[in-house]
C-alpha atoms as a PDB file:
ATOM      1  CA  UNK A   1     107.102  92.204 109.679  1.00  0.00           C
ATOM      2  CA  UNK A   2     109.799  91.517 112.276  1.00  0.00           C
ATOM      3  CA  UNK A   3     109.581  94.999 113.821  1.00  0.00           C
ATOM      4  CA  UNK A   4     105.784  94.969 114.085  1.00  0.00           C
ATOM      5  CA  UNK A   5     105.807  91.393 115.394  1.00  0.00           C
ATOM      6  CA  UNK A   6     108.380  92.194 118.065  1.00  0.00           C
ATOM      7  CA  UNK A   7     106.350  95.175 119.203  1.00  0.00           C
ATOM      8  CA  UNK A   8     103.267  92.914 119.488  1.00  0.00           C
ATOM      9  CA  UNK A   9     105.212  90.386 121.568  1.00  0.00           C
ATOM     10  CA  UNK A  10     106.532  93.129 123.851  1.00  0.00           C
ATOM     11  CA  UNK A  11     103.035  94.584 124.215  1.00  0.00           C
ATOM     12  CA  UNK A  12     101.700  91.118 125.095  1.00  0.00           C
ATOM     13  CA  UNK A  13     104.335  91.042 127.852  1.00  0.00           C
ATOM     14  CA  UNK A  14     103.156  94.414 129.135  1.00  0.00           C
ATOM     15  CA  UNK A  15     105.860  96.555 127.523  1.00  0.00           C
ATOM     16  CA  UNK A  16     104.044  99.437 125.849  1.00  0.00           C
ATOM     17  CA  UNK A  17     105.891 102.310 124.174  1.00  0.00           C
ATOM     18  CA  UNK A  18     105.065 105.880 125.095  1.00  0.00           C
ATOM     19  CA  UNK A  19     106.289 106.959 121.627  1.00  0.00           C
ATOM     20  CA  UNK A  20     107.762 105.327 118.515  1.00  0.00           C
ATOM     21  CA  UNK A  21     110.334 106.264 115.887  1.00  0.00           C
ATOM     22  CA  UNK A  22     111.603 104.443 112.827  1.00  0.00           C
ATOM     23  CA  UNK A  23     114.140 104.936 110.081  1.00  0.00           C
ATOM     24  CA  UNK A  24     113.310 104.323 106.412  1.00  0.00           C
ATOM     25  CA  UNK A  25     111.078 101.234 106.231  1.00  0.00           C
ATOM     26  CA  UNK A  26     111.103 101.337 110.030  1.00  0.00           C
ATOM     27  CA  UNK A  27     108.946 104.473 109.788  1.00  0.00           C
ATOM     28  CA  UNK A  28     106.224 102.313 108.277  1.00  0.00           C
ATOM     29  CA  UNK A  29     106.529  99.828 111.140  1.00  0.00           C
ATOM     30  CA  UNK A  30     106.455 102.685 113.670  1.00  0.00           C
ATOM     31  CA  UNK A  31     103.266 104.064 112.116  1.00  0.00           C
ATOM     32  CA  UNK A  32     101.695 100.611 112.314  1.00  0.00           C
ATOM     33  CA  UNK A  33     102.724 100.068 115.941  1.00  0.00           C
ATOM     34  CA  UNK A  34     101.378 103.549 116.777  1.00  0.00           C
ATOM     35  CA  UNK A  35      98.049 102.691 115.187  1.00  0.00           C
ATOM     36  CA  UNK A  36      98.339 105.326 112.449  1.00  0.00           C
ATOM     37  CA  UNK A  37      98.414 102.584 109.796  1.00  0.00           C
ATOM     38  CA  UNK A  38      96.568  99.299 109.888  1.00  0.00           C
ATOM     39  CA  UNK A  39      98.700  96.186 109.469  1.00  0.00           C
ATOM     40  CA  UNK A  40      97.181  95.699 106.011  1.00  0.00           C
ATOM     41  CA  UNK A  41      97.972  99.281 104.957  1.00  0.00           C
ATOM     42  CA  UNK A  42     101.498  99.088 106.363  1.00  0.00           C
ATOM     43  CA  UNK A  43     102.133  95.880 104.400  1.00  0.00           C
ATOM     44  CA  UNK A  44     100.703  97.574 101.288  1.00  0.00           C
ATOM     45  CA  UNK A  45     103.071 100.556 101.717  1.00  0.00           C
ATOM     46  CA  UNK A  46     106.091  98.252 102.101  1.00  0.00           C
ATOM     47  CA  UNK A  47     105.160  96.124  99.079  1.00  0.00           C
ATOM     48  CA  UNK A  48     104.304  99.014  96.758  1.00  0.00           C
ATOM     49  CA  UNK A  49     107.327 101.073  97.816  1.00  0.00           C
ATOM     50  CA  UNK A  50     109.597  98.085  97.254  1.00  0.00           C
ATOM     51  CA  UNK A  51     108.081  97.437  93.829  1.00  0.00           C
ATOM     52  CA  UNK A  52     108.510 101.087  92.809  1.00  0.00           C
ATOM     53  CA  UNK A  53     112.157 101.199  93.894  1.00  0.00           C
ATOM     54  CA  UNK A  54     113.004  98.561  91.271  1.00  0.00           C
ATOM     55  CA  UNK A  55     112.882 101.404  88.706  1.00  0.00           C
ATOM     56  CA  UNK A  56     115.920 102.952  90.430  1.00  0.00           C
ATOM     57  CA  UNK A  57     118.057  99.797  90.286  1.00  0.00           C
ATOM     58  CA  UNK A  58     121.493 100.311  88.799  1.00  0.00           C
ATOM     59  CA  UNK A  59     121.277 104.107  88.841  1.00  0.00           C
ATOM     60  CA  UNK A  60     122.963 104.893  92.133  1.00  0.00           C
ATOM     61  CA  UNK A  61     124.244 103.668  95.438  1.00  0.00           C
ATOM     62  CA  UNK A  62     125.040 104.434  99.051  1.00  0.00           C
ATOM     63  CA  UNK A  63     128.225 104.765 101.097  1.00  0.00           C
ATOM     64  CA  UNK A  64     128.662 104.626 104.879  1.00  0.00           C
ATOM     65  CA  UNK A  65     131.108 107.244 106.140  1.00  0.00           C
ATOM     66  CA  UNK A  66     132.514 107.244 109.698  1.00  0.00           C
ATOM     67  CA  UNK A  67     132.730 111.032 109.954  1.00  0.00           C
ATOM     68  CA  UNK A  68     130.646 113.791 111.590  1.00  0.00           C
ATOM     69  CA  UNK A  69     127.806 115.050 109.402  1.00  0.00           C
ATOM     70  CA  UNK A  70     129.226 118.593 109.309  1.00  0.00           C
ATOM     71  CA  UNK A  71     132.478 117.314 107.803  1.00  0.00           C
ATOM     72  CA  UNK A  72     130.641 115.089 105.316  1.00  0.00           C
ATOM     73  CA  UNK A  73     128.481 118.018 104.186  1.00  0.00           C
ATOM     74  CA  UNK A  74     131.631 120.101 103.613  1.00  0.00           C
ATOM     75  CA  UNK A  75     133.141 117.298 101.542  1.00  0.00           C
ATOM     76  CA  UNK A  76     129.982 117.099  99.423  1.00  0.00           C
ATOM     77  CA  UNK A  77     130.545 120.645  98.122  1.00  0.00           C
ATOM     78  CA  UNK A  78     130.546 120.397  94.345  1.00  0.00           C
ATOM     79  CA  UNK A  79     128.402 117.252  94.389  1.00  0.00           C
ATOM     80  CA  UNK A  80     125.061 119.074  94.709  1.00  0.00           C
ATOM     81  CA  UNK A  81     122.348 117.169  92.872  1.00  0.00           C
ATOM     82  CA  UNK A  82     124.640 114.160  92.553  1.00  0.00           C
ATOM     83  CA  UNK A  83     125.385 113.000  96.115  1.00  0.00           C
ATOM     84  CA  UNK A  84     123.719 113.999  99.370  1.00  0.00           C
ATOM     85  CA  UNK A  85     123.482 113.002 103.012  1.00  0.00           C
ATOM     86  CA  UNK A  86     120.964 110.151 103.211  1.00  0.00           C
ATOM     87  CA  UNK A  87     121.085 109.408 106.932  1.00  0.00           C
ATOM     88  CA  UNK A  88     122.803 110.566 110.088  1.00  0.00           C
ATOM     89  CA  UNK A  89     123.076 107.466 112.265  1.00  0.00           C
ATOM     90  CA  UNK A  90     125.302 108.885 114.997  1.00  0.00           C
ATOM     91  CA  UNK A  91     127.899 111.540 115.843  1.00  0.00           C
ATOM     92  CA  UNK A  92     130.399 109.952 113.436  1.00  0.00           C
ATOM     93  CA  UNK A  93     128.186 107.706 111.313  1.00  0.00           C
ATOM     94  CA  UNK A  94     126.731 109.132 108.125  1.00  0.00           C
ATOM     95  CA  UNK A  95     125.354 107.547 104.962  1.00  0.00           C
ATOM     96  CA  UNK A  96     125.578 109.369 101.646  1.00  0.00           C
ATOM     97  CA  UNK A  97     123.563 108.467  98.596  1.00  0.00           C
ATOM     98  CA  UNK A  98     123.560 109.392  94.930  1.00  0.00           C
ATOM     99  CA  UNK A  99     125.103 108.844  91.529  1.00  0.00           C
ATOM    100  CA  UNK A 100     127.573 105.991  91.106  1.00  0.00           C
ATOM    101  CA  UNK A 101     130.334 108.202  89.650  1.00  0.00           C
ATOM    102  CA  UNK A 102     130.062 110.764  92.447  1.00  0.00           C
ATOM    103  CA  UNK A 103     130.107 108.035  95.090  1.00  0.00           C
ATOM    104  CA  UNK A 104     133.149 106.416  93.447  1.00  0.00           C
ATOM    105  CA  UNK A 105     135.022 109.728  93.520  1.00  0.00           C
ATOM    106  CA  UNK A 106     134.180 110.382  97.161  1.00  0.00           C
ATOM    107  CA  UNK A 107     134.964 106.815  98.203  1.00  0.00           C
ATOM    108  CA  UNK A 108     138.377 107.045  96.520  1.00  0.00           C
ATOM    109  CA  UNK A 109     139.079 110.394  98.217  1.00  0.00           C
ATOM    110  CA  UNK A 110     138.058 109.089 101.643  1.00  0.00           C
ATOM    111  CA  UNK A 111     140.019 105.854 101.215  1.00  0.00           C
ATOM    112  CA  UNK A 112     143.129 107.827 100.219  1.00  0.00           C
ATOM    113  CA  UNK A 113     142.678 109.987 103.336  1.00  0.00           C
ATOM    114  CA  UNK A 114     142.493 106.879 105.539  1.00  0.00           C
ATOM    115  CA  UNK A 115     138.748 107.138 106.188  1.00  0.00           C
ATOM    116  CA  UNK A 116     137.182 103.663 106.375  1.00  0.00           C
ATOM    117  CA  UNK A 117     134.183 104.539 104.211  1.00  0.00           C
ATOM    118  CA  UNK A 118     132.442 101.552 102.654  1.00  0.00           C
ATOM    119  CA  UNK A 119     129.905 100.971  99.948  1.00  0.00           C
ATOM    120  CA  UNK A 120     126.536  99.637 101.090  1.00  0.00           C
ATOM    121  CA  UNK A 121     125.290  96.660  99.066  1.00  0.00           C
ATOM    122  CA  UNK A 122     122.482  98.423  97.191  1.00  0.00           C
ATOM    123  CA  UNK A 123     122.344  99.616  93.596  1.00  0.00           C
ATOM    124  CA  UNK A 124     119.959 102.521  94.091  1.00  0.00           C
ATOM    125  CA  UNK A 125     120.256 105.859  95.858  1.00  0.00           C
ATOM    126  CA  UNK A 126     117.728 105.637  98.663  1.00  0.00           C
ATOM    127  CA  UNK A 127     117.025 108.804 100.653  1.00  0.00           C
ATOM    128  CA  UNK A 128     118.261 111.001  97.800  1.00  0.00           C
ATOM    129  CA  UNK A 129     116.907 113.116  94.961  1.00  0.00           C
ATOM    130  CA  UNK A 130     116.819 109.927  92.861  1.00  0.00           C
ATOM    131  CA  UNK A 131     113.730 108.813  94.761  1.00  0.00           C
ATOM    132  CA  UNK A 132     111.835 111.924  93.591  1.00  0.00           C
ATOM    133  CA  UNK A 133     111.251 110.211  90.242  1.00  0.00           C
ATOM    134  CA  UNK A 134     108.938 107.797  92.098  1.00  0.00           C
ATOM    135  CA  UNK A 135     106.873 110.568  93.704  1.00  0.00           C
ATOM    136  CA  UNK A 136     103.908 110.585  91.284  1.00  0.00           C
ATOM    137  CA  UNK A 137     103.723 106.783  91.103  1.00  0.00           C
ATOM    138  CA  UNK A 138     103.793 106.412  94.888  1.00  0.00           C
ATOM    139  CA  UNK A 139     101.122 109.073  95.371  1.00  0.00           C
ATOM    140  CA  UNK A 140      98.948 107.187  92.901  1.00  0.00           C
ATOM    141  CA  UNK A 141      99.384 103.655  94.260  1.00  0.00           C
ATOM    142  CA  UNK A 142      99.201 104.751  97.901  1.00  0.00           C
ATOM    143  CA  UNK A 143      96.171 107.049  97.437  1.00  0.00           C
ATOM    144  CA  UNK A 144      93.686 104.534  98.916  1.00  0.00           C
ATOM    145  CA  UNK A 145      95.598 104.422 102.212  1.00  0.00           C
ATOM    146  CA  UNK A 146      94.160 106.663 104.903  1.00  0.00           C
ATOM    147  CA  UNK A 147      96.447 107.168 107.894  1.00  0.00           C
ATOM    148  CA  UNK A 148      94.756 108.202 111.105  1.00  0.00           C
ATOM    149  CA  UNK A 149      95.777 109.613 114.429  1.00  0.00           C
ATOM    150  CA  UNK A 150      97.501 106.787 116.281  1.00  0.00           C
ATOM    151  CA  UNK A 151      97.225 105.753 119.895  1.00  0.00           C
ATOM    152  CA  UNK A 152     100.962 106.362 120.382  1.00  0.00           C
ATOM    153  CA  UNK A 153     102.869 109.500 119.286  1.00  0.00           C
ATOM    154  CA  UNK A 154     105.286 109.055 116.382  1.00  0.00           C
ATOM    155  CA  UNK A 155     108.575 110.991 116.244  1.00  0.00           C
ATOM    156  CA  UNK A 156     109.362 112.135 112.719  1.00  0.00           C
ATOM    157  CA  UNK A 157     112.903 111.395 111.568  1.00  0.00           C
ATOM    158  CA  UNK A 158     112.547 114.299 109.132  1.00  0.00           C
ATOM    159  CA  UNK A 159     111.499 117.044 111.545  1.00  0.00           C
ATOM    160  CA  UNK A 160     112.311 115.562 114.963  1.00  0.00           C
ATOM    161  CA  UNK A 161     108.831 116.605 116.034  1.00  0.00           C
ATOM    162  CA  UNK A 162     106.139 114.405 117.554  1.00  0.00           C
ATOM    163  CA  UNK A 163     103.369 113.589 115.090  1.00  0.00           C
ATOM    164  CA  UNK A 164     100.015 111.943 115.767  1.00  0.00           C
ATOM    165  CA  UNK A 165     100.405 109.728 112.683  1.00  0.00           C
ATOM    166  CA  UNK A 166      97.637 111.181 110.552  1.00  0.00           C
END
């Protein structure tokens, strides 16, 4: 709501984006601002996604790691299927996500090595294989939503490519 509202205020002031990009729930806001999703459909996606994620509560977590993604990926060897890179936020800012035990082990290793990794205050493993268990439910509840080509190009955070929103 805040992201879409800010974009509307900026547009009212004459500031119009030539493209949009968003991360996680911000992708929904970006699609709305681009015109690929109506405000009603964007709100529906946020609400239904949030409701579905409740099923993941208590099963995982996330950790912010101030290291380059290449180094983090090397350190995740042996954790396949348990912990994975969830987000690359900068050259030395990575978030990993996954099983609680795997995250605890990695956090202890990084802390011992002097890396200031920190747990993020969530009890589910967003942006990980854990979310796959919601796939069928989300396809079902979001089936009535029909994205369309937007008036503004949308950069995909998955591919890095420009999408039309449809």
